[in-house]
Amino acid sequence: MAVFASLGDAPGASLLAALQNNREGFPMTENTKLWDLLGRTDPAHTKAFTRGGGFKGTAIKPMWSYRRMTEEFGPCGFGWGVGEPVFQVVPGSDSEMLVYCTASVWYHHEDKDCRVYGVGGDKVVNKFSSGLKSDDEAFKKAFTDAVTNALKMIGVGADVHMGMFDDDKYVNTMRDEFAEAPAEKPKRQVGVNPQTGMATAHALKKDTGPDNWAAFQAELLEAETVPMLTKLALGWSNIAERDKWPAHWRDLAKEEINKRRNILINGMPDDDTFPGDRPTTKGNAYADNFQAG
């Protein structure tokens, strides 16, 4: 109450001012360090709701809470996690049935094993004007409610639960804080098709590096056995993937490998028809090492 009195303002505005003071160097206590880390919420991960009787509020999406825990403590099940839940089903009024869930959340903080608890609930059987209806999601909703209530105890989404999201100025401040910087437009790479990310045929033809098309053809002629050809196909398949060869260059490589394979198996032909002029690559383990795209 001393903070409110000193600022002489409404609670929501006072909390906003206190937050701004923290940013300007107001000392946070050691006891609230974790709370302060987890307590600010991205408005993009909240949603407004209205309950019976006209009550309005702001709900935090559960996945946001889980992400905040993961950011601070590590993957769920490793740096933090949820203990085995306990459910209790009790009768309500007018033949309705309620389910309550008690769940614990554990986490490792500063070399210590810590645990907090939360309780959540929902209706398994609801009474409507049309009669009684069951809800097969009730246990899941009660469990989620229990877990997120436990996370409140260490400050996750504290600004929402403290009513600070009732202040539009505070919400805008949080929106600015969590706003992503606009992505830089990727620079166009010379010799790369911007739609496919593949090297252009022109760039490959002009390539003077050690792994260009001329080098492929030279190594192909040096392959004098089928095992040597298989090794060559595997090696150049990796090169094609690394250098982003376009699909038609990979298809051409398959064709050349098939031609060479037929020569190694059948020998040079006696007529003018060169084997492999119209090769088939279906089921060919040697050529299939080159995967299109």
C-alpha atoms as a PDB file:
ATOM      1  CA  MET A   1       0.000   0.000   0.000  1.00  0.00           C
ATOM      2  CA  ALA A   2       2.960   2.339   0.518  1.00  0.00           C
ATOM      3  CA  VAL A   3       3.610   2.327  -3.226  1.00  0.00           C
ATOM      4  CA  PHE A   4       0.024   3.355  -3.993  1.00  0.00           C
ATOM      5  CA  ALA A   5       0.025   6.079  -1.352  1.00  0.00           C
ATOM      6  CA  SER A   6       3.305   7.575  -2.497  1.00  0.00           C
ATOM      7  CA  LEU A   7       2.199   7.751  -6.114  1.00  0.00           C
ATOM      8  CA  GLY A   8      -1.312   8.925  -5.282  1.00  0.00           C
ATOM      9  CA  ASP A   9      -2.840   7.141  -8.242  1.00  0.00           C
ATOM     10  CA  ALA A  10      -5.068   4.204  -9.129  1.00  0.00           C
ATOM     11  CA  PRO A  11      -3.619   0.719  -8.477  1.00  0.00           C
ATOM     12  CA  GLY A  12      -3.192  -0.116 -12.164  1.00  0.00           C
ATOM     13  CA  ALA A  13      -1.276   3.069 -12.890  1.00  0.00           C
ATOM     14  CA  SER A  14       0.791   2.622  -9.726  1.00  0.00           C
ATOM     15  CA  LEU A  15       1.887  -0.837 -10.786  1.00  0.00           C
ATOM     16  CA  LEU A  16       2.825   0.508 -14.205  1.00  0.00           C
ATOM     17  CA  ALA A  17       4.874   3.253 -12.609  1.00  0.00           C
ATOM     18  CA  ALA A  18       6.584   0.739 -10.353  1.00  0.00           C
ATOM     19  CA  LEU A  19       7.468  -1.383 -13.382  1.00  0.00           C
ATOM     20  CA  GLN A  20       8.882   1.632 -15.180  1.00  0.00           C
ATOM     21  CA  ASN A  21      10.920   2.504 -12.095  1.00  0.00           C
ATOM     22  CA  ASN A  22      12.380  -1.002 -12.147  1.00  0.00           C
ATOM     23  CA  ARG A  23      13.514  -0.478 -15.720  1.00  0.00           C
ATOM     24  CA  GLU A  24      15.182   2.770 -14.712  1.00  0.00           C
ATOM     25  CA  GLY A  25      17.309   1.097 -12.068  1.00  0.00           C
ATOM     26  CA  PHE A  26      14.955   0.703  -9.094  1.00  0.00           C
ATOM     27  CA  PRO A  27      16.511  -2.248  -7.200  1.00  0.00           C
ATOM     28  CA  MET A  28      14.605  -5.516  -7.402  1.00  0.00           C
ATOM     29  CA  THR A  29      14.979  -7.696  -4.349  1.00  0.00           C
ATOM     30  CA  GLU A  30      16.662 -11.067  -4.469  1.00  0.00           C
ATOM     31  CA  ASN A  31      13.400 -12.664  -3.341  1.00  0.00           C
ATOM     32  CA  THR A  32      11.452 -11.301  -6.322  1.00  0.00           C
ATOM     33  CA  LYS A  33      14.089 -11.939  -8.987  1.00  0.00           C
ATOM     34  CA  LEU A  34      12.355 -15.018 -10.437  1.00  0.00           C
ATOM     35  CA  TRP A  35       8.942 -13.354 -10.145  1.00  0.00           C
ATOM     36  CA  ASP A  36      10.201 -10.325 -12.073  1.00  0.00           C
ATOM     37  CA  LEU A  37      11.639 -12.565 -14.814  1.00  0.00           C
ATOM     38  CA  LEU A  38       8.404 -14.499 -15.334  1.00  0.00           C
ATOM     39  CA  GLY A  39       5.875 -11.795 -14.490  1.00  0.00           C
ATOM     40  CA  ARG A  40       5.624  -9.852 -17.759  1.00  0.00           C
ATOM     41  CA  THR A  41       3.232 -11.211 -20.394  1.00  0.00           C
ATOM     42  CA  ASP A  42       3.111 -10.786 -24.159  1.00  0.00           C
ATOM     43  CA  PRO A  43      -0.390  -9.437 -25.025  1.00  0.00           C
ATOM     44  CA  ALA A  44      -0.316 -11.514 -28.210  1.00  0.00           C
ATOM     45  CA  HIS A  45      -0.641 -14.629 -26.029  1.00  0.00           C
ATOM     46  CA  THR A  46      -3.670 -13.488 -24.055  1.00  0.00           C
ATOM     47  CA  LYS A  47      -7.364 -13.380 -24.846  1.00  0.00           C
ATOM     48  CA  ALA A  48     -10.280 -11.515 -23.331  1.00  0.00           C
ATOM     49  CA  PHE A  49     -13.199 -13.452 -21.881  1.00  0.00           C
ATOM     50  CA  THR A  50     -16.619 -12.758 -20.420  1.00  0.00           C
ATOM     51  CA  ARG A  51     -18.252 -14.991 -17.816  1.00  0.00           C
ATOM     52  CA  GLY A  52     -21.811 -15.259 -16.597  1.00  0.00           C
ATOM     53  CA  GLY A  53     -22.973 -12.149 -14.823  1.00  0.00           C
ATOM     54  CA  GLY A  54     -20.955  -9.886 -17.105  1.00  0.00           C
ATOM     55  CA  PHE A  55     -17.548 -10.478 -15.493  1.00  0.00           C
ATOM     56  CA  LYS A  56     -14.772  -9.640 -17.952  1.00  0.00           C
ATOM     57  CA  GLY A  57     -11.125 -10.500 -17.716  1.00  0.00           C
ATOM     58  CA  THR A  58      -7.944 -11.540 -19.511  1.00  0.00           C
ATOM     59  CA  ALA A  59      -6.784 -15.153 -19.811  1.00  0.00           C
ATOM     60  CA  ILE A  60      -3.223 -16.246 -20.552  1.00  0.00           C
ATOM     61  CA  LYS A  61      -2.848 -18.952 -23.166  1.00  0.00           C
ATOM     62  CA  PRO A  62      -1.425 -22.019 -21.375  1.00  0.00           C
ATOM     63  CA  MET A  63       1.225 -22.636 -24.024  1.00  0.00           C
ATOM     64  CA  TRP A  64       2.686 -19.210 -23.325  1.00  0.00           C
ATOM     65  CA  SER A  65       3.091 -20.113 -19.650  1.00  0.00           C
ATOM     66  CA  TYR A  66       4.765 -23.404 -20.580  1.00  0.00           C
ATOM     67  CA  ARG A  67       7.110 -21.609 -22.967  1.00  0.00           C
ATOM     68  CA  ARG A  68       8.112 -19.105 -20.283  1.00  0.00           C
ATOM     69  CA  MET A  69       8.982 -21.983 -17.938  1.00  0.00           C
ATOM     70  CA  THR A  70      10.986 -23.653 -20.712  1.00  0.00           C
ATOM     71  CA  GLU A  71      12.853 -20.433 -21.490  1.00  0.00           C
ATOM     72  CA  GLU A  72      13.848 -20.038 -17.849  1.00  0.00           C
ATOM     73  CA  PHE A  73      14.452 -23.640 -16.730  1.00  0.00           C
ATOM     74  CA  GLY A  74      14.901 -25.757 -19.851  1.00  0.00           C
ATOM     75  CA  PRO A  75      12.761 -28.415 -21.538  1.00  0.00           C
ATOM     76  CA  CYS A  76       9.762 -29.794 -19.692  1.00  0.00           C
ATOM     77  CA  GLY A  77      10.699 -33.045 -17.985  1.00  0.00           C
ATOM     78  CA  PHE A  78      14.304 -31.913 -17.616  1.00  0.00           C
ATOM     79  CA  GLY A  79      14.437 -28.475 -15.996  1.00  0.00           C
ATOM     80  CA  TRP A  80      10.833 -28.357 -14.897  1.00  0.00           C
ATOM     81  CA  GLY A  81       7.736 -30.531 -15.056  1.00  0.00           C
ATOM     82  CA  VAL A  82       4.390 -31.546 -13.610  1.00  0.00           C
ATOM     83  CA  GLY A  83       3.847 -34.193 -10.954  1.00  0.00           C
ATOM     84  CA  GLU A  84       1.134 -36.838 -11.183  1.00  0.00           C
ATOM     85  CA  PRO A  85      -2.238 -35.075 -10.896  1.00  0.00           C
ATOM     86  CA  VAL A  86      -4.940 -36.089  -8.426  1.00  0.00           C
ATOM     87  CA  PHE A  87      -8.568 -35.860  -9.567  1.00  0.00           C
ATOM     88  CA  GLN A  88     -11.687 -35.753  -7.457  1.00  0.00           C
ATOM     89  CA  VAL A  89     -15.214 -35.940  -8.870  1.00  0.00           C
ATOM     90  CA  VAL A  90     -17.964 -34.533  -6.653  1.00  0.00           C
ATOM     91  CA  PRO A  91     -21.681 -34.020  -7.207  1.00  0.00           C
ATOM     92  CA  GLY A  92     -22.924 -30.481  -7.770  1.00  0.00           C
ATOM     93  CA  SER A  93     -26.355 -28.965  -7.657  1.00  0.00           C
ATOM     94  CA  ASP A  94     -29.139 -29.885 -10.068  1.00  0.00           C
ATOM     95  CA  SER A  95     -27.489 -33.230 -10.936  1.00  0.00           C
ATOM     96  CA  GLU A  96     -24.338 -31.548 -12.251  1.00  0.00           C
ATOM     97  CA  MET A  97     -20.958 -33.247 -11.641  1.00  0.00           C
ATOM     98  CA  LEU A  98     -17.730 -31.376 -10.897  1.00  0.00           C
ATOM     99  CA  VAL A  99     -14.127 -32.465 -11.225  1.00  0.00           C
ATOM    100  CA  TYR A 100     -11.250 -30.955  -9.251  1.00  0.00           C
ATOM    101  CA  CYS A 101      -7.598 -31.499  -9.997  1.00  0.00           C
ATOM    102  CA  THR A 102      -4.598 -30.947  -7.751  1.00  0.00           C
ATOM    103  CA  ALA A 103      -1.266 -30.749  -9.579  1.00  0.00           C
ATOM    104  CA  SER A 104       2.274 -29.950  -8.563  1.00  0.00           C
ATOM    105  CA  VAL A 105       4.889 -28.189 -10.670  1.00  0.00           C
ATOM    106  CA  TRP A 106       8.556 -28.864  -9.950  1.00  0.00           C
ATOM    107  CA  TYR A 107      11.553 -26.924 -11.221  1.00  0.00           C
ATOM    108  CA  HIS A 108      15.285 -26.592 -10.631  1.00  0.00           C
ATOM    109  CA  HIS A 109      16.346 -23.139  -9.504  1.00  0.00           C
ATOM    110  CA  GLU A 110      19.824 -22.156  -8.324  1.00  0.00           C
ATOM    111  CA  ASP A 111      20.786 -25.806  -7.719  1.00  0.00           C
ATOM    112  CA  LYS A 112      17.664 -26.441  -5.658  1.00  0.00           C
ATOM    113  CA  ASP A 113      14.672 -28.684  -6.349  1.00  0.00           C
ATOM    114  CA  CYS A 114      11.508 -26.650  -5.898  1.00  0.00           C
ATOM    115  CA  ARG A 115       7.809 -27.490  -6.033  1.00  0.00           C
ATOM    116  CA  VAL A 116       4.543 -25.538  -6.009  1.00  0.00           C
ATOM    117  CA  TYR A 117       0.924 -26.690  -6.112  1.00  0.00           C
ATOM    118  CA  GLY A 118      -2.273 -25.582  -7.807  1.00  0.00           C
ATOM    119  CA  VAL A 119      -5.927 -26.609  -7.860  1.00  0.00           C
ATOM    120  CA  GLY A 120      -8.221 -26.391 -10.875  1.00  0.00           C
ATOM    121  CA  GLY A 121     -11.737 -27.487 -11.664  1.00  0.00           C
ATOM    122  CA  ASP A 122     -14.452 -27.837 -14.263  1.00  0.00           C
ATOM    123  CA  LYS A 123     -17.860 -29.388 -14.822  1.00  0.00           C
ATOM    124  CA  VAL A 124     -18.029 -32.969 -16.064  1.00  0.00           C
ATOM    125  CA  VAL A 125     -21.814 -32.835 -16.395  1.00  0.00           C
ATOM    126  CA  ASN A 126     -23.529 -29.532 -17.147  1.00  0.00           C
ATOM    127  CA  LYS A 127     -27.199 -28.718 -16.882  1.00  0.00           C
ATOM    128  CA  PHE A 128     -28.676 -26.796 -19.790  1.00  0.00           C
ATOM    129  CA  SER A 129     -32.246 -25.862 -20.693  1.00  0.00           C
ATOM    130  CA  SER A 130     -32.190 -28.835 -23.075  1.00  0.00           C
ATOM    131  CA  GLY A 131     -31.056 -31.217 -20.333  1.00  0.00           C
ATOM    132  CA  LEU A 132     -27.819 -32.659 -18.913  1.00  0.00           C
ATOM    133  CA  LYS A 133     -24.735 -32.882 -21.100  1.00  0.00           C
ATOM    134  CA  SER A 134     -21.331 -34.366 -20.334  1.00  0.00           C
ATOM    135  CA  ASP A 135     -17.995 -32.752 -21.240  1.00  0.00           C
ATOM    136  CA  ASP A 136     -15.256 -35.182 -22.258  1.00  0.00           C
ATOM    137  CA  GLU A 137     -12.702 -32.339 -22.041  1.00  0.00           C
ATOM    138  CA  ALA A 138     -13.480 -31.547 -18.384  1.00  0.00           C
ATOM    139  CA  PHE A 139     -10.569 -33.514 -16.880  1.00  0.00           C
ATOM    140  CA  LYS A 140      -8.095 -31.936 -19.303  1.00  0.00           C
ATOM    141  CA  LYS A 141      -9.396 -28.437 -18.585  1.00  0.00           C
ATOM    142  CA  ALA A 142      -9.243 -29.048 -14.832  1.00  0.00           C
ATOM    143  CA  PHE A 143      -5.647 -30.274 -15.177  1.00  0.00           C
ATOM    144  CA  THR A 144      -4.613 -27.248 -17.268  1.00  0.00           C
ATOM    145  CA  ASP A 145      -6.296 -24.968 -14.763  1.00  0.00           C
ATOM    146  CA  ALA A 146      -4.412 -26.613 -11.895  1.00  0.00           C
ATOM    147  CA  VAL A 147      -1.027 -26.348 -13.623  1.00  0.00           C
ATOM    148  CA  THR A 148      -1.431 -22.689 -14.600  1.00  0.00           C
ATOM    149  CA  ASN A 149      -2.654 -21.888 -11.079  1.00  0.00           C
ATOM    150  CA  ALA A 150       0.499 -23.489  -9.700  1.00  0.00           C
ATOM    151  CA  LEU A 151       2.628 -21.386 -12.054  1.00  0.00           C
ATOM    152  CA  LYS A 152       1.050 -18.246 -10.619  1.00  0.00           C
ATOM    153  CA  MET A 153       2.816 -19.004  -7.352  1.00  0.00           C
ATOM    154  CA  ILE A 154       6.217 -18.240  -8.883  1.00  0.00           C
ATOM    155  CA  GLY A 155       5.009 -15.243 -10.887  1.00  0.00           C
ATOM    156  CA  VAL A 156       4.192 -16.593 -14.354  1.00  0.00           C
ATOM    157  CA  GLY A 157       1.828 -14.036 -15.916  1.00  0.00           C
ATOM    158  CA  ALA A 158       1.775 -12.004 -12.698  1.00  0.00           C
ATOM    159  CA  ASP A 159       0.899  -8.764 -14.480  1.00  0.00           C
ATOM    160  CA  VAL A 160      -2.327 -10.291 -15.813  1.00  0.00           C
ATOM    161  CA  HIS A 161      -3.330 -11.779 -12.464  1.00  0.00           C
ATOM    162  CA  MET A 162      -2.555  -8.498 -10.677  1.00  0.00           C
ATOM    163  CA  GLY A 163      -4.965  -6.615 -12.944  1.00  0.00           C
ATOM    164  CA  MET A 164      -2.336  -4.655 -14.830  1.00  0.00           C
ATOM    165  CA  PHE A 165      -3.885  -5.654 -18.168  1.00  0.00           C
ATOM    166  CA  ASP A 166      -6.889  -3.503 -17.250  1.00  0.00           C
ATOM    167  CA  ASP A 167      -4.626  -0.546 -18.002  1.00  0.00           C
ATOM    168  CA  ASP A 168      -4.388   0.086 -21.761  1.00  0.00           C
ATOM    169  CA  LYS A 169      -1.175   2.047 -21.295  1.00  0.00           C
ATOM    170  CA  TYR A 170       0.493  -0.930 -19.643  1.00  0.00           C
ATOM    171  CA  VAL A 171      -0.765  -3.316 -22.326  1.00  0.00           C
ATOM    172  CA  ASN A 172       0.681  -1.074 -25.036  1.00  0.00           C
ATOM    173  CA  THR A 173       3.969  -0.985 -23.159  1.00  0.00           C
ATOM    174  CA  MET A 174       4.087  -4.781 -23.100  1.00  0.00           C
ATOM    175  CA  ARG A 175       3.080  -4.965 -26.749  1.00  0.00           C
ATOM    176  CA  ASP A 176       6.023  -2.731 -27.666  1.00  0.00           C
ATOM    177  CA  GLU A 177       8.383  -4.748 -25.468  1.00  0.00           C
ATOM    178  CA  PHE A 178       7.500  -8.064 -27.083  1.00  0.00           C
ATOM    179  CA  ALA A 179       7.127  -6.725 -30.634  1.00  0.00           C
ATOM    180  CA  GLU A 180       9.368  -8.590 -33.034  1.00  0.00           C
ATOM    181  CA  ALA A 181      11.808  -6.548 -35.058  1.00  0.00           C
ATOM    182  CA  PRO A 182      10.808  -6.527 -38.755  1.00  0.00           C
ATOM    183  CA  ALA A 183      12.580  -9.270 -40.639  1.00  0.00           C
ATOM    184  CA  GLU A 184      15.270  -8.075 -42.996  1.00  0.00           C
ATOM    185  CA  LYS A 185      14.565  -8.692 -46.649  1.00  0.00           C
ATOM    186  CA  PRO A 186      16.977 -11.427 -47.754  1.00  0.00           C
ATOM    187  CA  LYS A 187      19.642 -10.228 -50.119  1.00  0.00           C
ATOM    188  CA  ARG A 188      19.548 -11.718 -53.575  1.00  0.00           C
ATOM    189  CA  GLN A 189      22.368 -14.177 -54.116  1.00  0.00           C
ATOM    190  CA  VAL A 190      24.018 -14.098 -57.495  1.00  0.00           C
ATOM    191  CA  GLY A 191      23.647 -17.442 -59.263  1.00  0.00           C
ATOM    192  CA  VAL A 192      20.786 -18.659 -57.024  1.00  0.00           C
ATOM    193  CA  ASN A 193      17.134 -18.913 -58.061  1.00  0.00           C
ATOM    194  CA  PRO A 194      15.217 -16.895 -55.392  1.00  0.00           C
ATOM    195  CA  GLN A 195      12.102 -19.092 -55.776  1.00  0.00           C
ATOM    196  CA  THR A 196      13.787 -22.484 -55.380  1.00  0.00           C
ATOM    197  CA  GLY A 197      17.023 -21.610 -53.584  1.00  0.00           C
ATOM    198  CA  MET A 198      18.815 -23.757 -56.151  1.00  0.00           C
ATOM    199  CA  ALA A 199      21.892 -22.780 -58.150  1.00  0.00           C
ATOM    200  CA  THR A 200      21.044 -21.673 -61.669  1.00  0.00           C
ATOM    201  CA  ALA A 201      22.241 -23.664 -64.645  1.00  0.00           C
ATOM    202  CA  HIS A 202      24.207 -20.673 -65.891  1.00  0.00           C
ATOM    203  CA  ALA A 203      26.037 -20.406 -62.569  1.00  0.00           C
ATOM    204  CA  LEU A 204      26.975 -24.090 -62.616  1.00  0.00           C
ATOM    205  CA  LYS A 205      28.276 -23.907 -66.158  1.00  0.00           C
ATOM    206  CA  LYS A 206      30.518 -20.982 -65.277  1.00  0.00           C
ATOM    207  CA  ASP A 207      31.657 -22.537 -61.988  1.00  0.00           C
ATOM    208  CA  THR A 208      35.444 -22.870 -61.925  1.00  0.00           C
ATOM    209  CA  GLY A 209      35.654 -24.514 -58.506  1.00  0.00           C
ATOM    210  CA  PRO A 210      36.917 -28.053 -57.859  1.00  0.00           C
ATOM    211  CA  ASP A 211      33.394 -29.525 -57.816  1.00  0.00           C
ATOM    212  CA  ASN A 212      32.059 -28.181 -61.125  1.00  0.00           C
ATOM    213  CA  TRP A 213      30.393 -30.042 -63.981  1.00  0.00           C
ATOM    214  CA  ALA A 214      33.670 -30.586 -65.820  1.00  0.00           C
ATOM    215  CA  ALA A 215      35.109 -32.288 -62.734  1.00  0.00           C
ATOM    216  CA  PHE A 216      32.071 -34.581 -62.562  1.00  0.00           C
ATOM    217  CA  GLN A 217      32.494 -35.661 -66.177  1.00  0.00           C
ATOM    218  CA  ALA A 218      36.232 -36.255 -65.699  1.00  0.00           C
ATOM    219  CA  GLU A 219      35.680 -38.453 -62.629  1.00  0.00           C
ATOM    220  CA  LEU A 220      32.909 -40.317 -64.435  1.00  0.00           C
ATOM    221  CA  LEU A 221      35.357 -41.395 -67.146  1.00  0.00           C
ATOM    222  CA  GLU A 222      37.816 -42.560 -64.480  1.00  0.00           C
ATOM    223  CA  ALA A 223      35.231 -44.914 -62.928  1.00  0.00           C
ATOM    224  CA  GLU A 224      36.334 -48.272 -64.407  1.00  0.00           C
ATOM    225  CA  THR A 225      34.286 -50.614 -62.214  1.00  0.00           C
ATOM    226  CA  VAL A 226      30.712 -50.694 -60.904  1.00  0.00           C
ATOM    227  CA  PRO A 227      31.873 -50.233 -57.252  1.00  0.00           C
ATOM    228  CA  MET A 228      33.885 -47.174 -58.312  1.00  0.00           C
ATOM    229  CA  LEU A 229      30.785 -45.824 -60.063  1.00  0.00           C
ATOM    230  CA  THR A 230      28.676 -46.408 -56.959  1.00  0.00           C
ATOM    231  CA  LYS A 231      31.193 -44.511 -54.834  1.00  0.00           C
ATOM    232  CA  LEU A 232      31.239 -41.674 -57.360  1.00  0.00           C
ATOM    233  CA  ALA A 233      27.435 -41.462 -57.392  1.00  0.00           C
ATOM    234  CA  LEU A 234      27.287 -41.226 -53.601  1.00  0.00           C
ATOM    235  CA  GLY A 235      29.968 -38.548 -53.464  1.00  0.00           C
ATOM    236  CA  TRP A 236      28.468 -36.360 -56.158  1.00  0.00           C
ATOM    237  CA  SER A 237      24.986 -36.766 -54.698  1.00  0.00           C
ATOM    238  CA  ASN A 238      26.298 -35.051 -51.551  1.00  0.00           C
ATOM    239  CA  ILE A 239      27.964 -32.349 -53.634  1.00  0.00           C
ATOM    240  CA  ALA A 240      24.745 -31.726 -55.582  1.00  0.00           C
ATOM    241  CA  GLU A 241      22.828 -31.367 -52.307  1.00  0.00           C
ATOM    242  CA  ARG A 242      25.439 -29.067 -50.791  1.00  0.00           C
ATOM    243  CA  ASP A 243      25.726 -26.824 -53.855  1.00  0.00           C
ATOM    244  CA  LYS A 244      21.949 -26.870 -54.508  1.00  0.00           C
ATOM    245  CA  TRP A 245      22.041 -28.214 -58.034  1.00  0.00           C
ATOM    246  CA  PRO A 246      18.755 -27.609 -59.872  1.00  0.00           C
ATOM    247  CA  ALA A 247      16.597 -30.637 -60.701  1.00  0.00           C
ATOM    248  CA  HIS A 248      17.499 -30.742 -64.402  1.00  0.00           C
ATOM    249  CA  TRP A 249      21.218 -30.890 -63.572  1.00  0.00           C
ATOM    250  CA  ARG A 250      20.580 -33.776 -61.180  1.00  0.00           C
ATOM    251  CA  ASP A 251      18.566 -35.548 -63.895  1.00  0.00           C
ATOM    252  CA  LEU A 252      21.425 -35.053 -66.334  1.00  0.00           C
ATOM    253  CA  ALA A 253      23.858 -36.517 -63.812  1.00  0.00           C
ATOM    254  CA  LYS A 254      21.602 -39.568 -63.426  1.00  0.00           C
ATOM    255  CA  GLU A 255      21.572 -39.999 -67.196  1.00  0.00           C
ATOM    256  CA  GLU A 256      25.369 -39.793 -67.430  1.00  0.00           C
ATOM    257  CA  ILE A 257      25.789 -42.306 -64.585  1.00  0.00           C
ATOM    258  CA  ASN A 258      23.394 -44.716 -66.333  1.00  0.00           C
ATOM    259  CA  LYS A 259      25.335 -44.413 -69.566  1.00  0.00           C
ATOM    260  CA  ARG A 260      28.597 -45.163 -67.797  1.00  0.00           C
ATOM    261  CA  ARG A 261      27.033 -48.093 -65.916  1.00  0.00           C
ATOM    262  CA  ASN A 262      25.813 -49.687 -69.163  1.00  0.00           C
ATOM    263  CA  ILE A 263      29.267 -49.352 -70.678  1.00  0.00           C
ATOM    264  CA  LEU A 264      30.897 -50.993 -67.639  1.00  0.00           C
ATOM    265  CA  ILE A 265      28.426 -53.884 -67.679  1.00  0.00           C
ATOM    266  CA  ASN A 266      27.905 -54.424 -71.430  1.00  0.00           C
ATOM    267  CA  GLY A 267      31.003 -52.874 -72.969  1.00  0.00           C
ATOM    268  CA  MET A 268      31.171 -50.339 -75.797  1.00  0.00           C
ATOM    269  CA  PRO A 269      28.570 -50.941 -78.536  1.00  0.00           C
ATOM    270  CA  ASP A 270      29.560 -51.811 -82.093  1.00  0.00           C
ATOM    271  CA  ASP A 271      27.001 -49.545 -83.756  1.00  0.00           C
ATOM    272  CA  ASP A 272      26.466 -45.813 -83.600  1.00  0.00           C
ATOM    273  CA  THR A 273      23.780 -46.009 -80.898  1.00  0.00           C
ATOM    274  CA  PHE A 274      25.315 -44.980 -77.624  1.00  0.00           C
ATOM    275  CA  PRO A 275      23.844 -46.945 -74.708  1.00  0.00           C
ATOM    276  CA  GLY A 276      21.975 -44.812 -72.261  1.00  0.00           C
ATOM    277  CA  ASP A 277      20.757 -42.229 -74.764  1.00  0.00           C
ATOM    278  CA  ARG A 278      17.291 -42.805 -73.370  1.00  0.00           C
ATOM    279  CA  PRO A 279      18.118 -44.226 -69.934  1.00  0.00           C
ATOM    280  CA  THR A 280      15.646 -45.280 -67.310  1.00  0.00           C
ATOM    281  CA  THR A 281      16.467 -44.411 -63.719  1.00  0.00           C
ATOM    282  CA  LYS A 282      13.620 -46.333 -62.080  1.00  0.00           C
ATOM    283  CA  GLY A 283      15.023 -48.829 -59.596  1.00  0.00           C
ATOM    284  CA  ASN A 284      18.618 -47.917 -60.453  1.00  0.00           C
ATOM    285  CA  ALA A 285      20.532 -47.739 -57.176  1.00  0.00           C
ATOM    286  CA  TYR A 286      23.440 -45.935 -58.801  1.00  0.00           C
ATOM    287  CA  ALA A 287      21.519 -43.111 -60.406  1.00  0.00           C
ATOM    288  CA  ASP A 288      18.961 -42.874 -57.635  1.00  0.00           C
ATOM    289  CA  ASN A 289      21.638 -41.444 -55.350  1.00  0.00           C
ATOM    290  CA  PHE A 290      20.894 -38.174 -57.122  1.00  0.00           C
ATOM    291  CA  GLN A 291      17.564 -37.070 -55.652  1.00  0.00           C
ATOM    292  CA  ALA A 292      15.671 -34.424 -57.568  1.00  0.00           C
ATOM    293  CA  GLY A 293      15.081 -31.213 -55.688  1.00  0.00           C
END
